[in-house]
Amino acid sequence: MKTNPIPQHGAAVALVQLLEDHPELPPAGWSIGSVYSELHGHVHGGGMAELSAYAEVLGGSVRADEVTYELQGQRVRAHRLDSVWRDVPVQIVVTLPVGVEAVAA
């Protein structure tokens, strides 16, 4: 990607390209870093299959957070995919109940 003085621009362009190039990816909520060019996605209501779909396209590594917390009366843990797309760091998160068997991508 070309250098741009507006950090959010590069991430916004990368997100558009990702979604246009891979319309088969599961829906996610997205945010763009305000200081650095970075993308953050959250797959709401998804599981490891959805996170794995992103890992197949983006590569990178999936890890489970060590910390658990309570969400709507249930113990949960975030699973994160860290990668890079078009020179932009990307992190995608899915939150799963603790104890759900998950196979990392």
PDB file of N, CA and C in Angstrom:
ATOM      1  N   MET A   1       0.834  -1.183   0.000  1.00  0.00           N
ATOM      2  CA  MET A   1       0.000   0.000   0.000  1.00  0.00           C
ATOM      3  C   MET A   1       0.877   1.244   0.000  1.00  0.00           C
ATOM      4  N   LYS A   2       0.404   2.289  -0.634  1.00  0.00           N
ATOM      5  CA  LYS A   2       1.167   3.530  -0.633  1.00  0.00           C
ATOM      6  C   LYS A   2       1.069   4.193   0.736  1.00  0.00           C
ATOM      7  N   THR A   3       2.072   4.974   1.058  1.00  0.00           N
ATOM      8  CA  THR A   3       2.087   5.701   2.320  1.00  0.00           C
ATOM      9  C   THR A   3       1.046   6.806   2.253  1.00  0.00           C
ATOM     10  N   ASN A   4       0.294   6.962   3.342  1.00  0.00           N
ATOM     11  CA  ASN A   4      -0.752   7.970   3.383  1.00  0.00           C
ATOM     12  C   ASN A   4      -0.660   8.690   4.717  1.00  0.00           C
ATOM     13  N   PRO A   5      -0.739  10.025   4.724  1.00  0.00           N
ATOM     14  CA  PRO A   5      -0.635  10.757   5.984  1.00  0.00           C
ATOM     15  C   PRO A   5      -1.835  10.550   6.906  1.00  0.00           C
ATOM     16  N   ILE A   6      -2.914   9.989   6.406  1.00  0.00           N
ATOM     17  CA  ILE A   6      -4.093   9.722   7.219  1.00  0.00           C
ATOM     18  C   ILE A   6      -4.076   8.233   7.562  1.00  0.00           C
ATOM     19  N   PRO A   7      -3.704   7.864   8.808  1.00  0.00           N
ATOM     20  CA  PRO A   7      -3.542   6.448   9.164  1.00  0.00           C
ATOM     21  C   PRO A   7      -4.787   5.596   8.888  1.00  0.00           C
ATOM     22  N   GLN A   8      -5.949   6.142   9.084  1.00  0.00           N
ATOM     23  CA  GLN A   8      -7.170   5.357   8.901  1.00  0.00           C
ATOM     24  C   GLN A   8      -7.442   5.035   7.437  1.00  0.00           C
ATOM     25  N   HIS A   9      -6.917   5.810   6.527  1.00  0.00           N
ATOM     26  CA  HIS A   9      -7.201   5.600   5.116  1.00  0.00           C
ATOM     27  C   HIS A   9      -6.693   4.241   4.637  1.00  0.00           C
ATOM     28  N   GLY A  10      -5.441   3.909   4.973  1.00  0.00           N
ATOM     29  CA  GLY A  10      -4.880   2.632   4.534  1.00  0.00           C
ATOM     30  C   GLY A  10      -5.676   1.444   5.071  1.00  0.00           C
ATOM     31  N   ALA A  11      -6.085   1.519   6.328  1.00  0.00           N
ATOM     32  CA  ALA A  11      -6.866   0.434   6.917  1.00  0.00           C
ATOM     33  C   ALA A  11      -8.242   0.343   6.268  1.00  0.00           C
ATOM     34  N   ALA A  12      -8.842   1.486   5.978  1.00  0.00           N
ATOM     35  CA  ALA A  12     -10.163   1.488   5.339  1.00  0.00           C
ATOM     36  C   ALA A  12     -10.099   0.864   3.946  1.00  0.00           C
ATOM     37  N   VAL A  13      -9.068   1.223   3.192  1.00  0.00           N
ATOM     38  CA  VAL A  13      -8.897   0.656   1.851  1.00  0.00           C
ATOM     39  C   VAL A  13      -8.649  -0.851   1.948  1.00  0.00           C
ATOM     40  N   ALA A  14      -7.816  -1.268   2.894  1.00  0.00           N
ATOM     41  CA  ALA A  14      -7.532  -2.699   3.068  1.00  0.00           C
ATOM     42  C   ALA A  14      -8.805  -3.461   3.419  1.00  0.00           C
ATOM     43  N   LEU A  15      -9.649  -2.894   4.267  1.00  0.00           N
ATOM     44  CA  LEU A  15     -10.905  -3.563   4.637  1.00  0.00           C
ATOM     45  C   LEU A  15     -11.815  -3.706   3.428  1.00  0.00           C
ATOM     46  N   VAL A  16     -11.948  -2.655   2.645  1.00  0.00           N
ATOM     47  CA  VAL A  16     -12.781  -2.728   1.437  1.00  0.00           C
ATOM     48  C   VAL A  16     -12.242  -3.810   0.501  1.00  0.00           C
ATOM     49  N   GLN A  17     -10.939  -3.844   0.318  1.00  0.00           N
ATOM     50  CA  GLN A  17     -10.350  -4.858  -0.564  1.00  0.00           C
ATOM     51  C   GLN A  17     -10.579  -6.270  -0.030  1.00  0.00           C
ATOM     52  N   LEU A  18     -10.431  -6.450   1.276  1.00  0.00           N
ATOM     53  CA  LEU A  18     -10.659  -7.768   1.869  1.00  0.00           C
ATOM     54  C   LEU A  18     -12.087  -8.228   1.617  1.00  0.00           C
ATOM     55  N   LEU A  19     -13.048  -7.364   1.870  1.00  0.00           N
ATOM     56  CA  LEU A  19     -14.452  -7.731   1.709  1.00  0.00           C
ATOM     57  C   LEU A  19     -14.836  -7.914   0.249  1.00  0.00           C
ATOM     58  N   GLU A  20     -14.262  -7.131  -0.644  1.00  0.00           N
ATOM     59  CA  GLU A  20     -14.542  -7.298  -2.068  1.00  0.00           C
ATOM     60  C   GLU A  20     -13.899  -8.558  -2.628  1.00  0.00           C
ATOM     61  N   ASP A  21     -12.666  -8.847  -2.208  1.00  0.00           N
ATOM     62  CA  ASP A  21     -11.946 -10.017  -2.712  1.00  0.00           C
ATOM     63  C   ASP A  21     -12.480 -11.326  -2.123  1.00  0.00           C
ATOM     64  N   HIS A  22     -13.092 -11.254  -0.940  1.00  0.00           N
ATOM     65  CA  HIS A  22     -13.539 -12.466  -0.244  1.00  0.00           C
ATOM     66  C   HIS A  22     -14.945 -12.285   0.342  1.00  0.00           C
ATOM     67  N   PRO A  23     -15.950 -12.168  -0.530  1.00  0.00           N
ATOM     68  CA  PRO A  23     -17.318 -11.969  -0.045  1.00  0.00           C
ATOM     69  C   PRO A  23     -17.860 -13.178   0.717  1.00  0.00           C
ATOM     70  N   GLU A  24     -17.178 -14.307   0.627  1.00  0.00           N
ATOM     71  CA  GLU A  24     -17.609 -15.515   1.333  1.00  0.00           C
ATOM     72  C   GLU A  24     -17.298 -15.479   2.826  1.00  0.00           C
ATOM     73  N   LEU A  25     -16.481 -14.530   3.262  1.00  0.00           N
ATOM     74  CA  LEU A  25     -16.127 -14.469   4.679  1.00  0.00           C
ATOM     75  C   LEU A  25     -17.349 -14.155   5.537  1.00  0.00           C
ATOM     76  N   PRO A  26     -17.391 -14.718   6.744  1.00  0.00           N
ATOM     77  CA  PRO A  26     -18.524 -14.456   7.630  1.00  0.00           C
ATOM     78  C   PRO A  26     -18.591 -12.975   8.011  1.00  0.00           C
ATOM     79  N   PRO A  27     -19.790 -12.474   8.278  1.00  0.00           N
ATOM     80  CA  PRO A  27     -19.920 -11.074   8.702  1.00  0.00           C
ATOM     81  C   PRO A  27     -19.192 -10.829  10.018  1.00  0.00           C
ATOM     82  N   ALA A  28     -18.638  -9.640  10.131  1.00  0.00           N
ATOM     83  CA  ALA A  28     -17.949  -9.229  11.355  1.00  0.00           C
ATOM     84  C   ALA A  28     -18.213  -7.745  11.573  1.00  0.00           C
ATOM     85  N   GLY A  29     -18.134  -7.337  12.826  1.00  0.00           N
ATOM     86  CA  GLY A  29     -18.146  -5.912  13.143  1.00  0.00           C
ATOM     87  C   GLY A  29     -16.716  -5.417  13.060  1.00  0.00           C
ATOM     88  N   TRP A  30     -16.492  -4.276  12.431  1.00  0.00           N
ATOM     89  CA  TRP A  30     -15.140  -3.789  12.197  1.00  0.00           C
ATOM     90  C   TRP A  30     -14.916  -2.424  12.817  1.00  0.00           C
ATOM     91  N   SER A  31     -13.689  -2.201  13.282  1.00  0.00           N
ATOM     92  CA  SER A  31     -13.259  -0.868  13.684  1.00  0.00           C
ATOM     93  C   SER A  31     -11.857  -0.649  13.122  1.00  0.00           C
ATOM     94  N   ILE A  32     -11.530   0.608  12.951  1.00  0.00           N
ATOM     95  CA  ILE A  32     -10.247   1.008  12.385  1.00  0.00           C
ATOM     96  C   ILE A  32      -9.517   1.838  13.425  1.00  0.00           C
ATOM     97  N   GLY A  33      -8.246   1.508  13.653  1.00  0.00           N
ATOM     98  CA  GLY A  33      -7.455   2.253  14.622  1.00  0.00           C
ATOM     99  C   GLY A  33      -7.407   3.738  14.281  1.00  0.00           C
ATOM    100  N   SER A  34      -7.428   4.582  15.307  1.00  0.00           N
ATOM    101  CA  SER A  34      -7.432   6.023  15.066  1.00  0.00           C
ATOM    102  C   SER A  34      -6.027   6.618  15.001  1.00  0.00           C
ATOM    103  N   VAL A  35      -5.036   5.914  15.520  1.00  0.00           N
ATOM    104  CA  VAL A  35      -3.666   6.421  15.508  1.00  0.00           C
ATOM    105  C   VAL A  35      -2.814   5.667  14.490  1.00  0.00           C
ATOM    106  N   TYR A  36      -2.925   4.333  14.501  1.00  0.00           N
ATOM    107  CA  TYR A  36      -2.170   3.488  13.578  1.00  0.00           C
ATOM    108  C   TYR A  36      -3.122   2.867  12.572  1.00  0.00           C
ATOM    109  N   SER A  37      -2.597   2.532  11.416  1.00  0.00           N
ATOM    110  CA  SER A  37      -3.390   1.864  10.394  1.00  0.00           C
ATOM    111  C   SER A  37      -3.544   0.397  10.784  1.00  0.00           C
ATOM    112  N   GLU A  38      -4.684   0.056  11.403  1.00  0.00           N
ATOM    113  CA  GLU A  38      -4.938  -1.310  11.859  1.00  0.00           C
ATOM    114  C   GLU A  38      -6.437  -1.581  11.819  1.00  0.00           C
ATOM    115  N   LEU A  39      -6.776  -2.853  11.637  1.00  0.00           N
ATOM    116  CA  LEU A  39      -8.170  -3.290  11.592  1.00  0.00           C
ATOM    117  C   LEU A  39      -8.460  -4.213  12.760  1.00  0.00           C
ATOM    118  N   HIS A  40      -9.634  -4.056  13.342  1.00  0.00           N
ATOM    119  CA  HIS A  40     -10.099  -4.928  14.416  1.00  0.00           C
ATOM    120  C   HIS A  40     -11.485  -5.435  14.027  1.00  0.00           C
ATOM    121  N   GLY A  41     -11.625  -6.750  13.975  1.00  0.00           N
ATOM    122  CA  GLY A  41     -12.920  -7.338  13.641  1.00  0.00           C
ATOM    123  C   GLY A  41     -13.413  -8.215  14.776  1.00  0.00           C
ATOM    124  N   HIS A  42     -14.733  -8.287  14.940  1.00  0.00           N
ATOM    125  CA  HIS A  42     -15.325  -9.169  15.937  1.00  0.00           C
ATOM    126  C   HIS A  42     -16.465  -9.930  15.281  1.00  0.00           C
ATOM    127  N   VAL A  43     -16.347 -11.265  15.308  1.00  0.00           N
ATOM    128  CA  VAL A  43     -17.380 -12.118  14.743  1.00  0.00           C
ATOM    129  C   VAL A  43     -18.375 -12.406  15.858  1.00  0.00           C
ATOM    130  N   HIS A  44     -19.512 -11.727  15.825  1.00  0.00           N
ATOM    131  CA  HIS A  44     -20.542 -11.879  16.856  1.00  0.00           C
ATOM    132  C   HIS A  44     -21.369 -13.126  16.566  1.00  0.00           C
ATOM    133  N   GLY A  45     -21.535 -13.960  17.575  1.00  0.00           N
ATOM    134  CA  GLY A  45     -22.352 -15.159  17.411  1.00  0.00           C
ATOM    135  C   GLY A  45     -21.692 -16.242  16.590  1.00  0.00           C
ATOM    136  N   GLY A  46     -20.419 -16.095  16.312  1.00  0.00           N
ATOM    137  CA  GLY A  46     -19.715 -17.091  15.522  1.00  0.00           C
ATOM    138  C   GLY A  46     -18.884 -17.998  16.407  1.00  0.00           C
ATOM    139  N   GLY A  47     -18.222 -18.934  15.778  1.00  0.00           N
ATOM    140  CA  GLY A  47     -17.368 -19.867  16.489  1.00  0.00           C
ATOM    141  C   GLY A  47     -16.041 -20.025  15.788  1.00  0.00           C
ATOM    142  N   MET A  48     -15.360 -21.113  16.096  1.00  0.00           N
ATOM    143  CA  MET A  48     -14.041 -21.356  15.516  1.00  0.00           C
ATOM    144  C   MET A  48     -14.107 -21.554  14.010  1.00  0.00           C
ATOM    145  N   ALA A  49     -15.225 -22.057  13.490  1.00  0.00           N
ATOM    146  CA  ALA A  49     -15.338 -22.234  12.039  1.00  0.00           C
ATOM    147  C   ALA A  49     -15.255 -20.883  11.325  1.00  0.00           C
ATOM    148  N   GLU A  50     -15.909 -19.879  11.894  1.00  0.00           N
ATOM    149  CA  GLU A  50     -15.869 -18.554  11.292  1.00  0.00           C
ATOM    150  C   GLU A  50     -14.485 -17.932  11.408  1.00  0.00           C
ATOM    151  N   LEU A  51     -13.862 -18.098  12.555  1.00  0.00           N
ATOM    152  CA  LEU A  51     -12.508 -17.577  12.738  1.00  0.00           C
ATOM    153  C   LEU A  51     -11.531 -18.294  11.805  1.00  0.00           C
ATOM    154  N   SER A  52     -11.729 -19.587  11.629  1.00  0.00           N
ATOM    155  CA  SER A  52     -10.880 -20.363  10.720  1.00  0.00           C
ATOM    156  C   SER A  52     -11.032 -19.906   9.271  1.00  0.00           C
ATOM    157  N   ALA A  53     -12.238 -19.483   8.896  1.00  0.00           N
ATOM    158  CA  ALA A  53     -12.444 -18.980   7.531  1.00  0.00           C
ATOM    159  C   ALA A  53     -11.566 -17.752   7.285  1.00  0.00           C
ATOM    160  N   TYR A  54     -11.486 -16.873   8.286  1.00  0.00           N
ATOM    161  CA  TYR A  54     -10.604 -15.710   8.159  1.00  0.00           C
ATOM    162  C   TYR A  54      -9.137 -16.147   8.132  1.00  0.00           C
ATOM    163  N   ALA A  55      -8.779 -17.123   8.958  1.00  0.00           N
ATOM    164  CA  ALA A  55      -7.393 -17.602   9.000  1.00  0.00           C
ATOM    165  C   ALA A  55      -6.975 -18.204   7.659  1.00  0.00           C
ATOM    166  N   GLU A  56      -7.892 -18.871   6.973  1.00  0.00           N
ATOM    167  CA  GLU A  56      -7.572 -19.445   5.664  1.00  0.00           C
ATOM    168  C   GLU A  56      -7.217 -18.362   4.653  1.00  0.00           C
ATOM    169  N   VAL A  57      -7.890 -17.236   4.749  1.00  0.00           N
ATOM    170  CA  VAL A  57      -7.646 -16.137   3.816  1.00  0.00           C
ATOM    171  C   VAL A  57      -6.437 -15.303   4.236  1.00  0.00           C
ATOM    172  N   LEU A  58      -6.359 -14.988   5.528  1.00  0.00           N
ATOM    173  CA  LEU A  58      -5.353 -14.053   6.022  1.00  0.00           C
ATOM    174  C   LEU A  58      -4.058 -14.701   6.498  1.00  0.00           C
ATOM    175  N   GLY A  59      -4.121 -16.004   6.812  1.00  0.00           N
ATOM    176  CA  GLY A  59      -2.975 -16.622   7.463  1.00  0.00           C
ATOM    177  C   GLY A  59      -2.914 -16.115   8.895  1.00  0.00           C
ATOM    178  N   GLY A  60      -1.757 -16.147   9.488  1.00  0.00           N
ATOM    179  CA  GLY A  60      -1.610 -15.656  10.850  1.00  0.00           C
ATOM    180  C   GLY A  60      -1.808 -16.750  11.873  1.00  0.00           C
ATOM    181  N   SER A  61      -1.914 -16.334  13.121  1.00  0.00           N
ATOM    182  CA  SER A  61      -2.032 -17.307  14.203  1.00  0.00           C
ATOM    183  C   SER A  61      -3.251 -17.014  15.056  1.00  0.00           C
ATOM    184  N   VAL A  62      -3.881 -18.095  15.532  1.00  0.00           N
ATOM    185  CA  VAL A  62      -5.040 -17.998  16.424  1.00  0.00           C
ATOM    186  C   VAL A  62      -4.576 -18.374  17.814  1.00  0.00           C
ATOM    187  N   ARG A  63      -4.987 -17.587  18.791  1.00  0.00           N
ATOM    188  CA  ARG A  63      -4.666 -17.909  20.184  1.00  0.00           C
ATOM    189  C   ARG A  63      -5.876 -17.600  21.052  1.00  0.00           C
ATOM    190  N   ALA A  64      -5.982 -18.352  22.133  1.00  0.00           N
ATOM    191  CA  ALA A  64      -7.039 -18.117  23.114  1.00  0.00           C
ATOM    192  C   ALA A  64      -6.483 -17.251  24.225  1.00  0.00           C
ATOM    193  N   ASP A  65      -7.269 -16.273  24.658  1.00  0.00           N
ATOM    194  CA  ASP A  65      -6.864 -15.466  25.815  1.00  0.00           C
ATOM    195  C   ASP A  65      -6.813 -16.348  27.047  1.00  0.00           C
ATOM    196  N   GLU A  66      -5.910 -16.044  27.944  1.00  0.00           N
ATOM    197  CA  GLU A  66      -5.848 -16.777  29.211  1.00  0.00           C
ATOM    198  C   GLU A  66      -6.937 -16.331  30.166  1.00  0.00           C
ATOM    199  N   VAL A  67      -7.339 -15.089  30.048  1.00  0.00           N
ATOM    200  CA  VAL A  67      -8.336 -14.518  30.953  1.00  0.00           C
ATOM    201  C   VAL A  67      -9.740 -14.891  30.494  1.00  0.00           C
ATOM    202  N   THR A  68     -10.572 -15.291  31.427  1.00  0.00           N
ATOM    203  CA  THR A  68     -11.984 -15.525  31.143  1.00  0.00           C
ATOM    204  C   THR A  68     -12.797 -14.449  31.856  1.00  0.00           C
ATOM    205  N   TYR A  69     -14.006 -14.236  31.396  1.00  0.00           N
ATOM    206  CA  TYR A  69     -14.880 -13.269  32.031  1.00  0.00           C
ATOM    207  C   TYR A  69     -16.329 -13.715  31.852  1.00  0.00           C
ATOM    208  N   GLU A  70     -17.222 -13.052  32.554  1.00  0.00           N
ATOM    209  CA  GLU A  70     -18.626 -13.423  32.484  1.00  0.00           C
ATOM    210  C   GLU A  70     -19.344 -12.504  31.509  1.00  0.00           C
ATOM    211  N   LEU A  71     -20.131 -13.119  30.634  1.00  0.00           N
ATOM    212  CA  LEU A  71     -20.921 -12.388  29.657  1.00  0.00           C
ATOM    213  C   LEU A  71     -22.309 -13.007  29.625  1.00  0.00           C
ATOM    214  N   GLN A  72     -23.286 -12.249  29.994  1.00  0.00           N
ATOM    215  CA  GLN A  72     -24.674 -12.715  30.015  1.00  0.00           C
ATOM    216  C   GLN A  72     -24.814 -14.010  30.811  1.00  0.00           C
ATOM    217  N   GLY A  73     -24.155 -14.030  31.980  1.00  0.00           N
ATOM    218  CA  GLY A  73     -24.267 -15.168  32.884  1.00  0.00           C
ATOM    219  C   GLY A  73     -23.455 -16.394  32.501  1.00  0.00           C
ATOM    220  N   GLN A  74     -22.563 -16.260  31.557  1.00  0.00           N
ATOM    221  CA  GLN A  74     -21.771 -17.409  31.094  1.00  0.00           C
ATOM    222  C   GLN A  74     -20.291 -17.038  31.083  1.00  0.00           C
ATOM    223  N   ARG A  75     -19.420 -17.974  31.492  1.00  0.00           N
ATOM    224  CA  ARG A  75     -17.968 -17.764  31.439  1.00  0.00           C
ATOM    225  C   ARG A  75     -17.523 -17.900  29.986  1.00  0.00           C
ATOM    226  N   VAL A  76     -16.799 -16.896  29.502  1.00  0.00           N
ATOM    227  CA  VAL A  76     -16.350 -16.888  28.112  1.00  0.00           C
ATOM    228  C   VAL A  76     -14.871 -16.536  28.029  1.00  0.00           C
ATOM    229  N   ARG A  77     -14.321 -16.797  26.863  1.00  0.00           N
ATOM    230  CA  ARG A  77     -12.918 -16.486  26.576  1.00  0.00           C
ATOM    231  C   ARG A  77     -12.849 -16.027  25.112  1.00  0.00           C
ATOM    232  N   ALA A  78     -12.035 -15.015  24.855  1.00  0.00           N
ATOM    233  CA  ALA A  78     -11.839 -14.533  23.490  1.00  0.00           C
ATOM    234  C   ALA A  78     -10.767 -15.361  22.792  1.00  0.00           C
ATOM    235  N   HIS A  79     -10.985 -15.632  21.521  1.00  0.00           N
ATOM    236  CA  HIS A  79     -10.009 -16.280  20.650  1.00  0.00           C
ATOM    237  C   HIS A  79      -9.677 -15.268  19.560  1.00  0.00           C
ATOM    238  N   ARG A  80      -8.382 -15.047  19.318  1.00  0.00           N
ATOM    239  CA  ARG A  80      -7.946 -13.983  18.427  1.00  0.00           C
ATOM    240  C   ARG A  80      -7.090 -14.511  17.276  1.00  0.00           C
ATOM    241  N   LEU A  81      -7.368 -13.986  16.119  1.00  0.00           N
ATOM    242  CA  LEU A  81      -6.529 -14.214  14.947  1.00  0.00           C
ATOM    243  C   LEU A  81      -5.744 -12.933  14.710  1.00  0.00           C
ATOM    244  N   ASP A  82      -4.427 -13.032  14.697  1.00  0.00           N
ATOM    245  CA  ASP A  82      -3.562 -11.898  14.388  1.00  0.00           C
ATOM    246  C   ASP A  82      -2.894 -12.154  13.042  1.00  0.00           C
ATOM    247  N   SER A  83      -3.008 -11.181  12.146  1.00  0.00           N
ATOM    248  CA  SER A  83      -2.447 -11.339  10.822  1.00  0.00           C
ATOM    249  C   SER A  83      -2.161  -9.958  10.223  1.00  0.00           C
ATOM    250  N   VAL A  84      -1.835  -9.964   8.940  1.00  0.00           N
ATOM    251  CA  VAL A  84      -1.610  -8.732   8.190  1.00  0.00           C
ATOM    252  C   VAL A  84      -2.287  -8.899   6.834  1.00  0.00           C
ATOM    253  N   TRP A  85      -2.985  -7.860   6.399  1.00  0.00           N
ATOM    254  CA  TRP A  85      -3.625  -7.858   5.088  1.00  0.00           C
ATOM    255  C   TRP A  85      -3.243  -6.554   4.393  1.00  0.00           C
ATOM    256  N   ARG A  86      -2.630  -6.661   3.241  1.00  0.00           N
ATOM    257  CA  ARG A  86      -2.228  -5.491   2.468  1.00  0.00           C
ATOM    258  C   ARG A  86      -1.438  -4.499   3.321  1.00  0.00           C
ATOM    259  N   ASP A  87      -0.487  -5.018   4.070  1.00  0.00           N
ATOM    260  CA  ASP A  87       0.403  -4.229   4.932  1.00  0.00           C
ATOM    261  C   ASP A  87      -0.293  -3.615   6.148  1.00  0.00           C
ATOM    262  N   VAL A  88      -1.499  -4.046   6.448  1.00  0.00           N
ATOM    263  CA  VAL A  88      -2.252  -3.512   7.583  1.00  0.00           C
ATOM    264  C   VAL A  88      -2.425  -4.624   8.623  1.00  0.00           C
ATOM    265  N   PRO A  89      -2.009  -4.388   9.866  1.00  0.00           N
ATOM    266  CA  PRO A  89      -2.246  -5.382  10.919  1.00  0.00           C
ATOM    267  C   PRO A  89      -3.751  -5.599  11.122  1.00  0.00           C
ATOM    268  N   VAL A  90      -4.122  -6.867  11.268  1.00  0.00           N
ATOM    269  CA  VAL A  90      -5.531  -7.227  11.448  1.00  0.00           C
ATOM    270  C   VAL A  90      -5.650  -8.137  12.660  1.00  0.00           C
ATOM    271  N   GLN A  91      -6.640  -7.866  13.494  1.00  0.00           N
ATOM    272  CA  GLN A  91      -6.967  -8.760  14.605  1.00  0.00           C
ATOM    273  C   GLN A  91      -8.467  -9.021  14.545  1.00  0.00           C
ATOM    274  N   ILE A  92      -8.818 -10.311  14.534  1.00  0.00           N
ATOM    275  CA  ILE A  92     -10.225 -10.702  14.513  1.00  0.00           C
ATOM    276  C   ILE A  92     -10.482 -11.551  15.745  1.00  0.00           C
ATOM    277  N   VAL A  93     -11.596 -11.273  16.421  1.00  0.00           N
ATOM    278  CA  VAL A  93     -11.912 -11.920  17.690  1.00  0.00           C
ATOM    279  C   VAL A  93     -13.259 -12.628  17.593  1.00  0.00           C
ATOM    280  N   VAL A  94     -13.312 -13.797  18.205  1.00  0.00           N
ATOM    281  CA  VAL A  94     -14.581 -14.481  18.437  1.00  0.00           C
ATOM    282  C   VAL A  94     -14.589 -14.861  19.920  1.00  0.00           C
ATOM    283  N   THR A  95     -15.713 -14.671  20.575  1.00  0.00           N
ATOM    284  CA  THR A  95     -15.836 -14.978  21.992  1.00  0.00           C
ATOM    285  C   THR A  95     -16.660 -16.246  22.150  1.00  0.00           C
ATOM    286  N   LEU A  96     -16.108 -17.225  22.888  1.00  0.00           N
ATOM    287  CA  LEU A  96     -16.751 -18.526  23.036  1.00  0.00           C
ATOM    288  C   LEU A  96     -16.900 -18.890  24.511  1.00  0.00           C
ATOM    289  N   PRO A  97     -17.925 -19.659  24.827  1.00  0.00           N
ATOM    290  CA  PRO A  97     -18.055 -20.148  26.206  1.00  0.00           C
ATOM    291  C   PRO A  97     -16.847 -20.997  26.581  1.00  0.00           C
ATOM    292  N   VAL A  98     -16.398 -20.850  27.820  1.00  0.00           N
ATOM    293  CA  VAL A  98     -15.288 -21.667  28.313  1.00  0.00           C
ATOM    294  C   VAL A  98     -15.750 -23.112  28.324  1.00  0.00           C
ATOM    295  N   GLY A  99     -14.881 -23.997  27.907  1.00  0.00           N
ATOM    296  CA  GLY A  99     -15.213 -25.418  27.887  1.00  0.00           C
ATOM    297  C   GLY A  99     -15.663 -25.904  26.530  1.00  0.00           C
ATOM    298  N   VAL A 100     -15.971 -24.977  25.624  1.00  0.00           N
ATOM    299  CA  VAL A 100     -16.328 -25.388  24.256  1.00  0.00           C
ATOM    300  C   VAL A 100     -15.045 -25.874  23.584  1.00  0.00           C
ATOM    301  N   GLU A 101     -15.082 -27.067  23.062  1.00  0.00           N
ATOM    302  CA  GLU A 101     -13.915 -27.581  22.371  1.00  0.00           C
ATOM    303  C   GLU A 101     -13.696 -26.788  21.110  1.00  0.00           C
ATOM    304  N   ALA A 102     -12.493 -26.287  20.936  1.00  0.00           N
ATOM    305  CA  ALA A 102     -12.179 -25.470  19.772  1.00  0.00           C
ATOM    306  C   ALA A 102     -10.853 -25.938  19.182  1.00  0.00           C
ATOM    307  N   VAL A 103     -10.828 -26.059  17.889  1.00  0.00           N
ATOM    308  CA  VAL A 103      -9.607 -26.415  17.201  1.00  0.00           C
ATOM    309  C   VAL A 103      -9.086 -25.158  16.543  1.00  0.00           C
ATOM    310  N   ALA A 104      -7.910 -24.737  16.943  1.00  0.00           N
ATOM    311  CA  ALA A 104      -7.313 -23.518  16.390  1.00  0.00           C
ATOM    312  C   ALA A 104      -6.955 -23.739  14.930  1.00  0.00           C
ATOM    313  N   ALA A 105      -7.062 -22.684  14.173  1.00  0.00           N
ATOM    314  CA  ALA A 105      -6.741 -22.757  12.738  1.00  0.00           C
ATOM    315  C   ALA A 105      -5.258 -22.947  12.538  1.00  0.00           C
TER     316      ALA A 105
END
